[in-house]
Amino acid sequence: MFFQLYFFLLLQLPLSVGREKGSPCHAERTFSPTYYRDGDIVIGGFFPLLLHKVYRLKYWKWFWEHPQNIGKQNQWQSKHYYQVLAFMFAVEEINRNPKLLPNITLGFQIFNAHHNEDRTLESSLVWLSGQGETIPNYSCERLSKSIVVIGGATSELTISMETLLELYRFPQVTYGLFDPLLSDPVQFPSVYQMASRDTSLPVAMVRLMLHFKWTWVGLVASEDSRSEKFLRDLQEEMVKNDVCVAFIHRLFTGSTEDIHHYSYFLNKLSLSTAKVIVIYGNTDTLLTLRISRVPRAFLNRMWITSSQWNIAKNSLNIFFDHFHGALIFADQTSKIPGFKHFLKTINPDKYPEDIFFHIFWNSAFGCTFTIGKIDGAVCSPNSSLDTLRLSYIDLTMSDQSYTVYNAVYAVAWALHEMFLVTSEMESNRNGNNSGTYPWKLHSFLKNIQFNNSAGNLEVLAEKKNSFANYDIFNYVTFDNDTEVLVKVGEFISEAPLGQEFTIQQKAIVWPRTWGEPLPSRCSKVCSPGFHIKALEGKPVCCFDCAPCPQGQISNQTGKVQCMKCTEDQYPNRERIQCLPKSVTFLAYEENLGIALASIAASFSLLTALVLWVFVKHRDTPIVKANNRDLSYLLLFSLSLCFLCSLFFIGRPSAANCLLRQTTFGVMFTVAISSILAKTITVVLAFRATRPGSRSIKWVGSRAPISLVVFCTFIQVTLCAMWLFLSPPFPDVDTHSDPEHIILECNEGSLIAFYSVLGYIAFLALGSFTVAFLARNLPDTFNEAKFITFSMLVFCSVWVSFLPTYQSTKGKMMVAVEVFSILSSSAGLLGCIFIPKCYVILVQPQKNTKKFLKNNTIS
């Protein structure tokens, strides 16, 4: 506050442009050094070359600091001196060009742009006042040569200088990252940005993440508007491509003394599972991270950043090789002719008054160019910058240096156009620049465009295409304290889709703990056979792995959805591939089919044998007792019932599908109706023995046979309607058994099918009821008891059949029905006829009239 108040009061003095006698224009400066080279027009250059180690030292304390002590508290930033060299090279190249600003010599004055608002204002004030003064509104130059400033390494520096420069309408051309805030012509009318818009940088970084499948990424940025916009754009692009943000941390300017804030960041970084970190922001803030001495937090990380971050080694930081393997995005630049030769030929003899160059030279070679020794080292007179490592020299001109180079040329061409338009060339040749006012340059800077020495068309950032191209560099350090940037890829934003991003993966040197490209994920990739199951309230990158559902597979890792097998295929046990289903049906060749067919044939033969026994002993009382014709019919129908089960075995065809259920229904109807008729015959025979009974006329008549025919006719009618309206047909079941294709007969109409079964059940229930009521009638050969028990067995079989039939699938369903047919038929045969066969064959003495008479008397 002290300086701002002091500065405000001094600004109220009127501006003087002449040198007054006795003015303190040559007072000794007690602040940061500068380098001045005279010319007809002087360009100010502000570069962050010296960083004060104590960020929060109050400005007013500098008045009591000795210059030597101030210098000891500064840390040399070698990378930014590349930009000074590009600045000097451009000025010298322009001065040698007879077609650009002829007969006019450009001069310059280099200042250190401090990472401190107060000191930045002080440097700006020195430049406005003259070579060595800090008096506001007073110029020590008789004629003002200062016309424009090139600087603005960060937006904060630009804004700090703009508060002063705008008072005098001095143009400020910036070379730092493009900041949309500074492009506001109302708020910053004197600021011109040369750097390209970096709107395609988020796209380029996300393409890199996708290439290496890095979907869990941490974001670190400085606390400023440009970084906030970058974070928004990057997050938006990450969301589009299903890349998740592990954490976001913002570094505050001057936070090295904020132990709690920085410790919080290190703790967050250490606890995060993200192995890839994107870092973005201004140089001032990122210095906090660069000089960190806590190496463990940076281990196992891949750092992705832009070239604005000074990633080069620092002599005071022995842990800095933990950034080994980082990938850096830099704006693509063209090779500037002569720049490499310029770097190889410069030395302190060429610029004896440039204090910055001497500091750079001494720092680069670890020696002193003057006579004497520092740490026992003396610079060789034949030293050349092309022998230095990366942290001191870049022979290809970095993107920031390239922007500085173009900024100098933009100023030169704007001056050239201004002199042509105002017709002041002649006065300028005579050295009279009294009419060269800074405010006149604005209209020419706004519309400037030119071709640089590399042949590229250059315009201001506001009019440039918003899509920039980037080179991707790999930062590599070596054990001998050397380092190198290796180009490993590029991003061409306007290239055809799929060709905009290229990377040479084999050329990348990975972090020391990696050795190969490692994944950076929130969750482990789902293996084949599993699919991604989203977690509620979690990012899409954090998920569980669930097995594929029934009938589906996943043959790749990280599948979001499993894919269904076709109907003729099924998943294997691991659910990673589809296998062809085998065709299955109840065949004669398999054990179950053989067993059922054998049982059916055996019982059919047994039934035929019983029929033969009954025919042979047809005149015996036991055969004649209960309507011999009905017994023959019942045995014949039971034999066919056993045989009709064979229609259910074998490959389904149209013929046996039509016959199996209808034959079964008709034959069982004949059998059950015959049993019903036999039961009714027993009742009628007992009632006929009563005096005066009318039932005697029904005994011995054809009425029981008529009953069988009538009941069978109803069933035949139902079956005929079934076959006519919705007949059974061969079908394929691909769903019941996941591993087999089941060949079966589709019943066509389930209503008709259950109607046939229901009718049989009705007859069986009627037979059971009548037989149960007649079970105690006094008759020697009364078979009502046997019929009751046989119908009980029959009904029990078919009652248990229904739920079992509904719960089974495929060929087992057919087997259940065959078993029910065989068991119920066998129950009828065994319960009704086996006892009679026993008497006929084993106890023939009981099958005589004499035995019957004696039994009746007894």
Foldseek 3Di string as FASTA:
>chain_A
DVLVVVVVVLQVDAADQAADPPDPPPDAAQDDDKFWDDWLAEEEEEWAFWEFPQQPDDPVVSVVDGSVVRVVRIDGQQVRVLLVLLLVVLQVVQQVDCVFLHLTHYIYMYDYQYLHLSVLCQVLQCLQQEPHDSRHSHHNHRADRYFAYEECQDVVSVVSSQVPCVVQLRAYEYLHADDPVCVPCVVNVRYFYFDAFVLCVLVQVVVVCVVLVAQEEEEEEEPDRRRVVVVVSNCVNSVVVNRDYQYYYYFYFSCLVVVVNVVVVLVSLQPTLFQEYEYEYAARRCVSVQQDQPQVSLASHAYEYEPRHLLADDPVHPNSCSNAQHKYKFFDDFAFPPQLVSQFPDDCVVVVRGPSRQVLVCVQVVFHDDPDTDVNDYDDPNDGPVVTFDSNDDSRQGRSSRSSSVSSVLQSVLVRVLCVVVVCSVVVSVSDVNVSRNNSSSVSLQPDWDQDNSRDIGHTNVPDDNDTKIWMWTWHADPVGGIDTHTFWIAQPPDPPPPRTDGNQVPGDHRPVPRHSDYGAPDDWAAWQWAWADDPPDRPRDTDTHGADFQWTGQHIHHHHTHGDPLQWGADPSRNDTHGFAEDAQACPDPLNVVLLVLLQVVLVVLVVLLVLCVVPVPWCLCPVQPVVLSNQLSVLLSQLSVLLNLRYHFDAFVSQQCNLLSNLLSLLLNLLSLLLSLVQLVLVLQLVDPPDPSVVVHPDCVSVVSSVVSSVVSNVLSVCQCVPFAKGWDWDSPQDSRHIFIHIDRRDVVSSVVSVVSSVVSLVSSLVSLVVCVPRDDPSPCSVLSNQLSVQLVVLVVVLVVVLVPDDGNVNSSSVSVSSSRSSVSNCCSRRVVVVCCVPPVVVCRHVVVVVVVVVD
